[in-house]
PDB file of all heavy atoms in Angstrom:
ATOM      1  N   ASN A   1     -14.771   3.141   6.581  1.00  0.00           N
ATOM      2  CA  ASN A   1     -14.717   2.674   5.261  1.00  0.00           C
ATOM      3  C   ASN A   1     -14.499   3.744   4.218  1.00  0.00           C
ATOM      4  O   ASN A   1     -14.598   3.498   2.888  1.00  0.00           O
ATOM      5  CB  ASN A   1     -15.902   1.759   4.908  1.00  0.00           C
ATOM      6  CG  ASN A   1     -17.222   2.663   5.072  1.00  0.00           C
ATOM      7  OD1 ASN A   1     -17.121   3.909   5.252  1.00  0.00           O
ATOM      8  ND2 ASN A   1     -18.366   1.940   5.044  1.00  0.00           N
ATOM      9  N   ASN A   2     -14.318   4.989   4.623  1.00  0.00           N
ATOM     10  CA  ASN A   2     -14.091   6.055   3.665  1.00  0.00           C
ATOM     11  C   ASN A   2     -12.723   6.672   3.672  1.00  0.00           C
ATOM     12  O   ASN A   2     -12.606   7.857   3.472  1.00  0.00           O
ATOM     13  CB  ASN A   2     -15.165   7.245   4.080  1.00  0.00           C
ATOM     14  CG  ASN A   2     -14.977   7.640   5.478  1.00  0.00           C
ATOM     15  OD1 ASN A   2     -14.264   7.260   6.260  1.00  0.00           O
ATOM     16  ND2 ASN A   2     -15.906   8.709   6.033  1.00  0.00           N
ATOM     17  N   LEU A   3     -11.756   5.895   3.973  1.00  0.00           N
ATOM     18  CA  LEU A   3     -10.312   6.161   4.040  1.00  0.00           C
ATOM     19  C   LEU A   3      -9.595   5.820   2.624  1.00  0.00           C
ATOM     20  O   LEU A   3     -10.009   4.842   1.945  1.00  0.00           O
ATOM     21  CB  LEU A   3      -9.565   5.698   5.230  1.00  0.00           C
ATOM     22  CG  LEU A   3     -10.128   5.844   6.565  1.00  0.00           C
ATOM     23  CD1 LEU A   3      -9.238   5.121   7.623  1.00  0.00           C
ATOM     24  CD2 LEU A   3     -10.113   7.423   6.812  1.00  0.00           C
ATOM     25  N   ASP A   4      -8.568   6.559   2.204  1.00  0.00           N
ATOM     26  CA  ASP A   4      -7.913   6.334   1.086  1.00  0.00           C
ATOM     27  C   ASP A   4      -6.792   5.244   1.311  1.00  0.00           C
ATOM     28  O   ASP A   4      -6.431   4.589   0.411  1.00  0.00           O
ATOM     29  CB  ASP A   4      -7.277   7.502   0.487  1.00  0.00           C
ATOM     30  CG  ASP A   4      -8.196   8.547  -0.153  1.00  0.00           C
ATOM     31  OD1 ASP A   4      -9.307   8.042  -0.467  1.00  0.00           O
ATOM     32  OD2 ASP A   4      -7.887   9.681  -0.178  1.00  0.00           O
ATOM     33  N   GLY A   5      -6.343   5.036   2.628  1.00  0.00           N
ATOM     34  CA  GLY A   5      -5.318   4.098   2.868  1.00  0.00           C
ATOM     35  C   GLY A   5      -5.869   2.701   3.206  1.00  0.00           C
ATOM     36  O   GLY A   5      -7.080   2.489   3.324  1.00  0.00           O
ATOM     37  N   LEU A   6      -4.871   1.810   3.420  1.00  0.00           N
ATOM     38  CA  LEU A   6      -5.213   0.489   3.705  1.00  0.00           C
ATOM     39  C   LEU A   6      -4.589   0.037   5.146  1.00  0.00           C
ATOM     40  O   LEU A   6      -3.366   0.574   5.363  1.00  0.00           O
ATOM     41  CB  LEU A   6      -4.714  -0.556   2.650  1.00  0.00           C
ATOM     42  CG  LEU A   6      -5.161  -0.325   1.235  1.00  0.00           C
ATOM     43  CD1 LEU A   6      -4.469  -1.218   0.275  1.00  0.00           C
ATOM     44  CD2 LEU A   6      -6.770  -0.621   1.170  1.00  0.00           C
ATOM     45  N   SER A   7      -5.177  -0.814   5.889  1.00  0.00           N
ATOM     46  CA  SER A   7      -4.597  -1.342   7.001  1.00  0.00           C
ATOM     47  C   SER A   7      -3.291  -2.329   6.484  1.00  0.00           C
ATOM     48  O   SER A   7      -3.680  -3.184   5.734  1.00  0.00           O
ATOM     49  CB  SER A   7      -5.559  -2.080   7.874  1.00  0.00           C
ATOM     50  OG  SER A   7      -4.827  -2.827   8.947  1.00  0.00           O
ATOM     51  N   VAL A   8      -2.159  -2.089   7.057  1.00  0.00           N
ATOM     52  CA  VAL A   8      -1.130  -3.063   6.823  1.00  0.00           C
ATOM     53  C   VAL A   8      -1.077  -4.228   7.682  1.00  0.00           C
ATOM     54  O   VAL A   8      -0.203  -5.110   7.614  1.00  0.00           O
ATOM     55  CB  VAL A   8       0.286  -2.224   6.852  1.00  0.00           C
ATOM     56  CG1 VAL A   8       0.253  -1.056   5.815  1.00  0.00           C
ATOM     57  CG2 VAL A   8       0.576  -1.901   8.216  1.00  0.00           C
ATOM     58  N   LYS A   9      -1.911  -4.384   8.588  1.00  0.00           N
ATOM     59  CA  LYS A   9      -2.028  -5.571   9.431  1.00  0.00           C
ATOM     60  C   LYS A   9      -1.986  -6.761   8.744  1.00  0.00           C
ATOM     61  O   LYS A   9      -1.182  -7.724   9.302  1.00  0.00           O
ATOM     62  CB  LYS A   9      -3.289  -5.401  10.379  1.00  0.00           C
ATOM     63  CG  LYS A   9      -3.431  -6.625  11.400  1.00  0.00           C
ATOM     64  CD  LYS A   9      -4.668  -6.387  12.172  1.00  0.00           C
ATOM     65  CE  LYS A   9      -4.839  -7.402  13.238  1.00  0.00           C
ATOM     66  NZ  LYS A   9      -6.108  -7.375  14.000  1.00  0.00           N
ATOM     67  N   PRO A  10      -2.592  -7.047   7.624  1.00  0.00           N
ATOM     68  CA  PRO A  10      -2.465  -8.350   6.881  1.00  0.00           C
ATOM     69  C   PRO A  10      -1.061  -8.537   6.496  1.00  0.00           C
ATOM     70  O   PRO A  10      -0.674  -9.773   6.478  1.00  0.00           O
ATOM     71  CB  PRO A  10      -3.497  -8.137   5.742  1.00  0.00           C
ATOM     72  CG  PRO A  10      -4.420  -7.123   6.118  1.00  0.00           C
ATOM     73  CD  PRO A  10      -3.706  -6.214   7.009  1.00  0.00           C
ATOM     74  N   LEU A  11      -0.287  -7.557   6.122  1.00  0.00           N
ATOM     75  CA  LEU A  11       1.186  -7.719   5.781  1.00  0.00           C
ATOM     76  C   LEU A  11       1.894  -8.028   6.982  1.00  0.00           C
ATOM     77  O   LEU A  11       2.904  -8.920   6.887  1.00  0.00           O
ATOM     78  CB  LEU A  11       1.717  -6.326   5.075  1.00  0.00           C
ATOM     79  CG  LEU A  11       1.067  -5.990   3.781  1.00  0.00           C
ATOM     80  CD1 LEU A  11       1.868  -4.674   3.303  1.00  0.00           C
ATOM     81  CD2 LEU A  11       1.225  -7.078   2.750  1.00  0.00           C
ATOM     82  N   MET A  12       1.687  -7.534   8.065  1.00  0.00           N
ATOM     83  CA  MET A  12       2.384  -7.880   9.314  1.00  0.00           C
ATOM     84  C   MET A  12       2.095  -9.267   9.743  1.00  0.00           C
ATOM     85  O   MET A  12       3.037 -10.015  10.058  1.00  0.00           O
ATOM     86  CB  MET A  12       1.921  -6.963  10.467  1.00  0.00           C
ATOM     87  CG  MET A  12       2.217  -5.426  10.241  1.00  0.00           C
ATOM     88  SD  MET A  12       1.543  -4.415  11.427  1.00  0.00           S
ATOM     89  CE  MET A  12       2.341  -4.836  12.952  1.00  0.00           C
ATOM     90  N   LYS A  13       0.851  -9.784   9.620  1.00  0.00           N
ATOM     91  CA  LYS A  13       0.629 -11.149   9.934  1.00  0.00           C
ATOM     92  C   LYS A  13       1.217 -12.182   8.953  1.00  0.00           C
ATOM     93  O   LYS A  13       1.681 -13.178   9.334  1.00  0.00           O
ATOM     94  CB  LYS A  13      -0.903 -11.304   9.972  1.00  0.00           C
ATOM     95  CG  LYS A  13      -1.538 -10.535  11.146  1.00  0.00           C
ATOM     96  CD  LYS A  13      -3.067 -10.664  11.273  1.00  0.00           C
ATOM     97  CE  LYS A  13      -3.311 -12.037  11.993  1.00  0.00           C
ATOM     98  NZ  LYS A  13      -4.788 -12.163  12.397  1.00  0.00           N
ATOM     99  N   ALA A  14       1.166 -11.681   7.605  1.00  0.00           N
ATOM    100  CA  ALA A  14       1.705 -12.588   6.562  1.00  0.00           C
ATOM    101  C   ALA A  14       3.087 -12.702   6.791  1.00  0.00           C
ATOM    102  O   ALA A  14       3.769 -13.852   6.611  1.00  0.00           O
ATOM    103  CB  ALA A  14       1.405 -12.062   5.112  1.00  0.00           C
ATOM    104  N   SER A  15       3.839 -11.616   7.136  1.00  0.00           N
ATOM    105  CA  SER A  15       5.225 -11.810   7.320  1.00  0.00           C
ATOM    106  C   SER A  15       5.588 -12.577   8.649  1.00  0.00           C
ATOM    107  O   SER A  15       6.529 -13.342   8.570  1.00  0.00           O
ATOM    108  CB  SER A  15       5.860 -10.207   7.553  1.00  0.00           C
ATOM    109  OG  SER A  15       5.730  -9.566   6.454  1.00  0.00           O
ATOM    110  N   ALA A  16       4.862 -12.443   9.593  1.00  0.00           N
ATOM    111  CA  ALA A  16       5.051 -13.225  10.823  1.00  0.00           C
ATOM    112  C   ALA A  16       4.828 -14.772  10.435  1.00  0.00           C
ATOM    113  O   ALA A  16       5.474 -15.698  11.094  1.00  0.00           O
ATOM    114  CB  ALA A  16       4.153 -12.724  11.893  1.00  0.00           C
ATOM    115  N   GLU A  17       3.888 -15.050   9.539  1.00  0.00           N
ATOM    116  CA  GLU A  17       3.742 -16.471   9.239  1.00  0.00           C
ATOM    117  C   GLU A  17       4.533 -16.874   8.001  1.00  0.00           C
ATOM    118  O   GLU A  17       4.314 -17.973   7.396  1.00  0.00           O
ATOM    119  CB  GLU A  17       2.163 -16.509   8.930  1.00  0.00           C
ATOM    120  CG  GLU A  17       1.276 -16.268  10.070  1.00  0.00           C
ATOM    121  CD  GLU A  17      -0.107 -16.000   9.685  1.00  0.00           C
ATOM    122  OE1 GLU A  17      -0.403 -16.088   8.463  1.00  0.00           O
ATOM    123  OE2 GLU A  17      -0.923 -15.658  10.518  1.00  0.00           O
ATOM    124  N   ALA A  18       5.416 -15.971   7.472  1.00  0.00           N
ATOM    125  CA  ALA A  18       6.289 -16.232   6.295  1.00  0.00           C
ATOM    126  C   ALA A  18       5.391 -16.609   5.164  1.00  0.00           C
ATOM    127  O   ALA A  18       5.804 -17.344   4.327  1.00  0.00           O
ATOM    128  CB  ALA A  18       7.244 -17.398   6.571  1.00  0.00           C
ATOM    129  N   GLY A  19       4.247 -15.847   4.929  1.00  0.00           N
ATOM    130  CA  GLY A  19       3.514 -16.122   3.766  1.00  0.00           C
ATOM    131  C   GLY A  19       3.318 -14.846   2.913  1.00  0.00           C
ATOM    132  O   GLY A  19       3.847 -13.906   3.198  1.00  0.00           O
ATOM    133  N   GLU A  20       2.678 -14.961   1.919  1.00  0.00           N
ATOM    134  CA  GLU A  20       2.462 -13.848   0.883  1.00  0.00           C
ATOM    135  C   GLU A  20       0.911 -13.606   0.856  1.00  0.00           C
ATOM    136  O   GLU A  20       0.092 -14.507   0.697  1.00  0.00           O
ATOM    137  CB  GLU A  20       2.956 -14.246  -0.516  1.00  0.00           C
ATOM    138  CG  GLU A  20       4.537 -14.286  -0.529  1.00  0.00           C
ATOM    139  CD  GLU A  20       5.155 -12.861  -0.588  1.00  0.00           C
ATOM    140  OE1 GLU A  20       4.506 -11.983  -1.022  1.00  0.00           O
ATOM    141  OE2 GLU A  20       6.333 -12.819  -0.256  1.00  0.00           O
ATOM    142  N   LYS A  21       0.561 -12.355   0.679  1.00  0.00           N
ATOM    143  CA  LYS A  21      -0.912 -12.091   0.641  1.00  0.00           C
ATOM    144  C   LYS A  21      -0.885 -10.973  -0.477  1.00  0.00           C
ATOM    145  O   LYS A  21       0.049 -10.141  -0.612  1.00  0.00           O
ATOM    146  CB  LYS A  21      -1.511 -11.563   1.885  1.00  0.00           C
ATOM    147  CG  LYS A  21      -1.608 -12.617   2.898  1.00  0.00           C
ATOM    148  CD  LYS A  21      -2.568 -12.373   4.047  1.00  0.00           C
ATOM    149  CE  LYS A  21      -2.786 -13.538   4.938  1.00  0.00           C
ATOM    150  NZ  LYS A  21      -3.787 -13.158   6.007  1.00  0.00           N
ATOM    151  N   PRO A  22      -1.962 -11.045  -1.284  1.00  0.00           N
ATOM    152  CA  PRO A  22      -2.090  -9.909  -2.408  1.00  0.00           C
ATOM    153  C   PRO A  22      -2.048  -8.470  -1.724  1.00  0.00           C
ATOM    154  O   PRO A  22      -2.519  -8.355  -0.668  1.00  0.00           O
ATOM    155  CB  PRO A  22      -3.557 -10.199  -3.002  1.00  0.00           C
ATOM    156  CG  PRO A  22      -3.863 -11.647  -2.585  1.00  0.00           C
ATOM    157  CD  PRO A  22      -3.119 -11.829  -1.238  1.00  0.00           C
ATOM    158  N   TRP A  23      -1.546  -7.659  -2.514  1.00  0.00           N
ATOM    159  CA  TRP A  23      -1.229  -6.194  -1.972  1.00  0.00           C
ATOM    160  C   TRP A  23      -1.386  -5.280  -3.119  1.00  0.00           C
ATOM    161  O   TRP A  23      -1.419  -5.686  -4.276  1.00  0.00           O
ATOM    162  CB  TRP A  23      -0.002  -6.136  -1.173  1.00  0.00           C
ATOM    163  CG  TRP A  23       0.078  -4.784  -0.555  1.00  0.00           C
ATOM    164  CD1 TRP A  23       0.972  -3.846  -0.726  1.00  0.00           C
ATOM    165  CD2 TRP A  23      -0.658  -4.342   0.642  1.00  0.00           C
ATOM    166  NE1 TRP A  23       0.801  -2.661   0.206  1.00  0.00           N
ATOM    167  CE2 TRP A  23      -0.271  -2.997   1.077  1.00  0.00           C
ATOM    168  CE3 TRP A  23      -1.784  -4.996   1.350  1.00  0.00           C
ATOM    169  CZ2 TRP A  23      -0.841  -2.313   2.076  1.00  0.00           C
ATOM    170  CZ3 TRP A  23      -2.449  -4.262   2.317  1.00  0.00           C
ATOM    171  CH2 TRP A  23      -1.814  -2.982   2.715  1.00  0.00           C
ATOM    172  N   ARG A  24      -1.450  -4.005  -2.874  1.00  0.00           N
ATOM    173  CA  ARG A  24      -1.572  -2.913  -3.922  1.00  0.00           C
ATOM    174  C   ARG A  24      -0.299  -3.069  -4.835  1.00  0.00           C
ATOM    175  O   ARG A  24       0.878  -3.413  -4.363  1.00  0.00           O
ATOM    176  CB  ARG A  24      -1.603  -1.462  -3.377  1.00  0.00           C
ATOM    177  CG  ARG A  24      -0.548  -1.179  -2.517  1.00  0.00           C
ATOM    178  CD  ARG A  24      -0.438   0.301  -2.328  1.00  0.00           C
ATOM    179  NE  ARG A  24      -1.459   0.925  -1.510  1.00  0.00           N
ATOM    180  CZ  ARG A  24      -1.386   1.186  -0.133  1.00  0.00           C
ATOM    181  NH1 ARG A  24      -0.368   0.887   0.554  1.00  0.00           N
ATOM    182  NH2 ARG A  24      -2.392   1.722   0.451  1.00  0.00           N
ATOM    183  N   HIS A  25      -0.511  -2.655  -6.043  1.00  0.00           N
ATOM    184  CA  HIS A  25       0.633  -2.514  -6.971  1.00  0.00           C
ATOM    185  C   HIS A  25       1.597  -1.444  -6.665  1.00  0.00           C
ATOM    186  O   HIS A  25       2.855  -1.669  -6.755  1.00  0.00           O
ATOM    187  CB  HIS A  25       0.094  -2.358  -8.365  1.00  0.00           C
ATOM    188  CG  HIS A  25       1.170  -2.151  -9.426  1.00  0.00           C
ATOM    189  ND1 HIS A  25       1.619  -0.898  -9.963  1.00  0.00           N
ATOM    190  CD2 HIS A  25       1.976  -3.072 -10.007  1.00  0.00           C
ATOM    191  CE1 HIS A  25       2.529  -0.999 -10.832  1.00  0.00           C
ATOM    192  NE2 HIS A  25       2.739  -2.340 -10.966  1.00  0.00           N
ATOM    193  N   ALA A  26       1.142  -0.243  -6.235  1.00  0.00           N
ATOM    194  CA  ALA A  26       2.009   0.812  -6.019  1.00  0.00           C
ATOM    195  C   ALA A  26       1.336   1.774  -4.929  1.00  0.00           C
ATOM    196  O   ALA A  26       0.152   1.752  -4.952  1.00  0.00           O
ATOM    197  CB  ALA A  26       2.324   1.587  -7.268  1.00  0.00           C
ATOM    198  N   VAL A  27       2.168   2.477  -4.246  1.00  0.00           N
ATOM    199  CA  VAL A  27       1.693   3.558  -3.263  1.00  0.00           C
ATOM    200  C   VAL A  27       1.877   4.960  -3.863  1.00  0.00           C
ATOM    201  O   VAL A  27       2.844   5.026  -4.622  1.00  0.00           O
ATOM    202  CB  VAL A  27       2.422   3.402  -1.929  1.00  0.00           C
ATOM    203  CG1 VAL A  27       3.863   3.760  -1.974  1.00  0.00           C
ATOM    204  CG2 VAL A  27       1.611   4.211  -0.920  1.00  0.00           C
ATOM    205  N   MET A  28       1.013   5.828  -3.669  1.00  0.00           N
ATOM    206  CA  MET A  28       1.032   7.181  -4.353  1.00  0.00           C
ATOM    207  C   MET A  28       1.561   8.278  -3.437  1.00  0.00           C
ATOM    208  O   MET A  28       1.382   8.262  -2.261  1.00  0.00           O
ATOM    209  CB  MET A  28      -0.252   7.374  -4.822  1.00  0.00           C
ATOM    210  CG  MET A  28      -0.500   8.642  -5.670  1.00  0.00           C
ATOM    211  SD  MET A  28      -2.166   8.876  -6.482  1.00  0.00           S
ATOM    212  CE  MET A  28      -3.257   8.521  -5.072  1.00  0.00           C
ATOM    213  N   SER A  29       2.292   9.247  -4.202  1.00  0.00           N
ATOM    214  CA  SER A  29       2.666  10.529  -3.565  1.00  0.00           C
ATOM    215  C   SER A  29       2.306  11.653  -4.503  1.00  0.00           C
ATOM    216  O   SER A  29       2.291  11.463  -5.705  1.00  0.00           O
ATOM    217  CB  SER A  29       4.158  10.568  -3.174  1.00  0.00           C
ATOM    218  OG  SER A  29       4.602   9.508  -2.444  1.00  0.00           O
ATOM    219  N   ILE A  30       1.877  12.694  -3.918  1.00  0.00           N
ATOM    220  CA  ILE A  30       1.377  13.814  -4.808  1.00  0.00           C
ATOM    221  C   ILE A  30       2.044  15.146  -4.329  1.00  0.00           C
ATOM    222  O   ILE A  30       2.154  15.526  -3.048  1.00  0.00           O
ATOM    223  CB  ILE A  30      -0.125  14.037  -4.562  1.00  0.00           C
ATOM    224  CG1 ILE A  30      -0.896  12.796  -5.131  1.00  0.00           C
ATOM    225  CG2 ILE A  30      -0.722  15.348  -5.330  1.00  0.00           C
ATOM    226  CD1 ILE A  30      -2.357  12.743  -5.014  1.00  0.00           C
ATOM    227  N   TYR A  31       2.541  16.005  -5.315  1.00  0.00           N
ATOM    228  CA  TYR A  31       3.153  17.186  -5.071  1.00  0.00           C
ATOM    229  C   TYR A  31       2.584  18.227  -5.954  1.00  0.00           C
ATOM    230  O   TYR A  31       2.887  18.467  -7.158  1.00  0.00           O
ATOM    231  CB  TYR A  31       4.638  17.073  -5.410  1.00  0.00           C
ATOM    232  CG  TYR A  31       5.519  18.276  -5.151  1.00  0.00           C
ATOM    233  CD1 TYR A  31       5.278  19.014  -3.905  1.00  0.00           C
ATOM    234  CD2 TYR A  31       6.413  18.708  -5.982  1.00  0.00           C
ATOM    235  CE1 TYR A  31       6.008  20.127  -3.616  1.00  0.00           C
ATOM    236  CE2 TYR A  31       7.213  19.931  -5.763  1.00  0.00           C
ATOM    237  CZ  TYR A  31       7.017  20.622  -4.522  1.00  0.00           C
ATOM    238  OH  TYR A  31       7.713  21.757  -4.322  1.00  0.00           O
ATOM    239  N   GLY A  32       1.569  19.006  -5.364  1.00  0.00           N
ATOM    240  CA  GLY A  32       0.846  20.032  -6.152  1.00  0.00           C
ATOM    241  C   GLY A  32      -0.206  19.197  -6.996  1.00  0.00           C
ATOM    242  O   GLY A  32      -0.216  18.026  -7.252  1.00  0.00           O
ATOM    243  N   ARG A  33      -1.191  20.005  -7.411  1.00  0.00           N
ATOM    244  CA  ARG A  33      -2.366  19.310  -8.146  1.00  0.00           C
ATOM    245  C   ARG A  33      -1.946  18.783  -9.537  1.00  0.00           C
ATOM    246  O   ARG A  33      -1.316  19.405 -10.281  1.00  0.00           O
ATOM    247  CB  ARG A  33      -3.464  20.533  -8.381  1.00  0.00           C
ATOM    248  CG  ARG A  33      -4.735  19.908  -8.957  1.00  0.00           C
ATOM    249  CD  ARG A  33      -5.713  21.012  -8.924  1.00  0.00           C
ATOM    250  NE  ARG A  33      -5.328  22.275  -9.777  1.00  0.00           N
ATOM    251  CZ  ARG A  33      -6.161  23.132 -10.331  1.00  0.00           C
ATOM    252  NH1 ARG A  33      -7.420  22.932 -10.152  1.00  0.00           N
ATOM    253  NH2 ARG A  33      -5.630  24.139 -10.888  1.00  0.00           N
ATOM    254  N   GLY A  34      -2.228  17.570  -9.631  1.00  0.00           N
ATOM    255  CA  GLY A  34      -2.036  16.861 -10.850  1.00  0.00           C
ATOM    256  C   GLY A  34      -0.490  16.173 -11.104  1.00  0.00           C
ATOM    257  O   GLY A  34      -0.238  15.571 -12.104  1.00  0.00           O
ATOM    258  N   ASN A  35       0.311  16.334 -10.112  1.00  0.00           N
ATOM    259  CA  ASN A  35       1.593  15.690 -10.203  1.00  0.00           C
ATOM    260  C   ASN A  35       1.659  14.510  -9.265  1.00  0.00           C
ATOM    261  O   ASN A  35       1.574  14.695  -8.122  1.00  0.00           O
ATOM    262  CB  ASN A  35       2.690  16.784  -9.814  1.00  0.00           C
ATOM    263  CG  ASN A  35       2.477  17.990 -10.647  1.00  0.00           C
ATOM    264  OD1 ASN A  35       2.596  17.989 -11.853  1.00  0.00           O
ATOM    265  ND2 ASN A  35       2.242  19.073  -9.973  1.00  0.00           N
ATOM    266  N   VAL A  36       1.976  13.308  -9.778  1.00  0.00           N
ATOM    267  CA  VAL A  36       1.842  12.075  -9.006  1.00  0.00           C
ATOM    268  C   VAL A  36       3.114  11.220  -9.211  1.00  0.00           C
ATOM    269  O   VAL A  36       3.631  11.204 -10.341  1.00  0.00           O
ATOM    270  CB  VAL A  36       0.595  11.322  -9.468  1.00  0.00           C
ATOM    271  CG1 VAL A  36       0.590   9.986  -8.848  1.00  0.00           C
ATOM    272  CG2 VAL A  36      -0.684  12.076  -9.374  1.00  0.00           C
ATOM    273  N   SER A  37       3.578  10.683  -8.157  1.00  0.00           N
ATOM    274  CA  SER A  37       4.610   9.614  -8.111  1.00  0.00           C
ATOM    275  C   SER A  37       4.158   8.326  -7.570  1.00  0.00           C
ATOM    276  O   SER A  37       3.387   8.316  -6.500  1.00  0.00           O
ATOM    277  CB  SER A  37       5.772  10.104  -7.250  1.00  0.00           C
ATOM    278  OG  SER A  37       6.882   9.279  -7.503  1.00  0.00           O
ATOM    279  N   LEU A  38       4.289   7.276  -8.336  1.00  0.00           N
ATOM    280  CA  LEU A  38       3.745   5.896  -7.913  1.00  0.00           C
ATOM    281  C   LEU A  38       5.002   4.892  -7.756  1.00  0.00           C
ATOM    282  O   LEU A  38       5.808   4.866  -8.618  1.00  0.00           O
ATOM    283  CB  LEU A  38       2.885   5.498  -8.910  1.00  0.00           C
ATOM    284  CG  LEU A  38       1.487   6.057  -9.102  1.00  0.00           C
ATOM    285  CD1 LEU A  38       0.813   5.756 -10.384  1.00  0.00           C
ATOM    286  CD2 LEU A  38       0.608   5.585  -7.916  1.00  0.00           C
ATOM    287  N   ARG A  39       5.052   4.353  -6.578  1.00  0.00           N
ATOM    288  CA  ARG A  39       6.226   3.574  -6.221  1.00  0.00           C
ATOM    289  C   ARG A  39       5.827   2.027  -6.121  1.00  0.00           C
ATOM    290  O   ARG A  39       4.967   1.673  -5.205  1.00  0.00           O
ATOM    291  CB  ARG A  39       6.818   3.972  -4.962  1.00  0.00           C
ATOM    292  CG  ARG A  39       8.026   3.139  -4.507  1.00  0.00           C
ATOM    293  CD  ARG A  39       9.191   3.215  -5.564  1.00  0.00           C
ATOM    294  NE  ARG A  39      10.538   2.895  -4.904  1.00  0.00           N
ATOM    295  CZ  ARG A  39      11.008   1.743  -4.680  1.00  0.00           C
ATOM    296  NH1 ARG A  39      10.314   0.670  -5.078  1.00  0.00           N
ATOM    297  NH2 ARG A  39      12.273   1.660  -4.210  1.00  0.00           N
ATOM    298  N   SER A  40       6.200   1.218  -6.958  1.00  0.00           N
ATOM    299  CA  SER A  40       5.988  -0.165  -6.821  1.00  0.00           C
ATOM    300  C   SER A  40       7.181  -0.912  -6.063  1.00  0.00           C
ATOM    301  O   SER A  40       8.052  -0.185  -5.570  1.00  0.00           O
ATOM    302  CB  SER A  40       5.639  -0.877  -8.132  1.00  0.00           C
ATOM    303  OG  SER A  40       6.812  -0.880  -8.922  1.00  0.00           O
ATOM    304  N   GLU A  41       7.270  -2.209  -6.067  1.00  0.00           N
ATOM    305  CA  GLU A  41       8.390  -2.789  -5.544  1.00  0.00           C
ATOM    306  C   GLU A  41       9.677  -2.652  -6.462  1.00  0.00           C
ATOM    307  O   GLU A  41      10.715  -2.573  -5.911  1.00  0.00           O
ATOM    308  CB  GLU A  41       8.204  -4.279  -5.312  1.00  0.00           C
ATOM    309  CG  GLU A  41       7.209  -4.586  -4.104  1.00  0.00           C
ATOM    310  CD  GLU A  41       7.277  -5.928  -3.763  1.00  0.00           C
ATOM    311  OE1 GLU A  41       8.296  -6.493  -3.291  1.00  0.00           O
ATOM    312  OE2 GLU A  41       6.171  -6.628  -3.902  1.00  0.00           O
TER     313      GLU A  41
END
């Protein structure tokens, strides 16, 4: 329970069932201290 990431298993099951489940708004990338890129859909 001390990880920064999330299991994508719910997305895999939702896709297999052709359903939608709530998910994060954006995923993060960091290049050097204080420089952040956030990617949404």
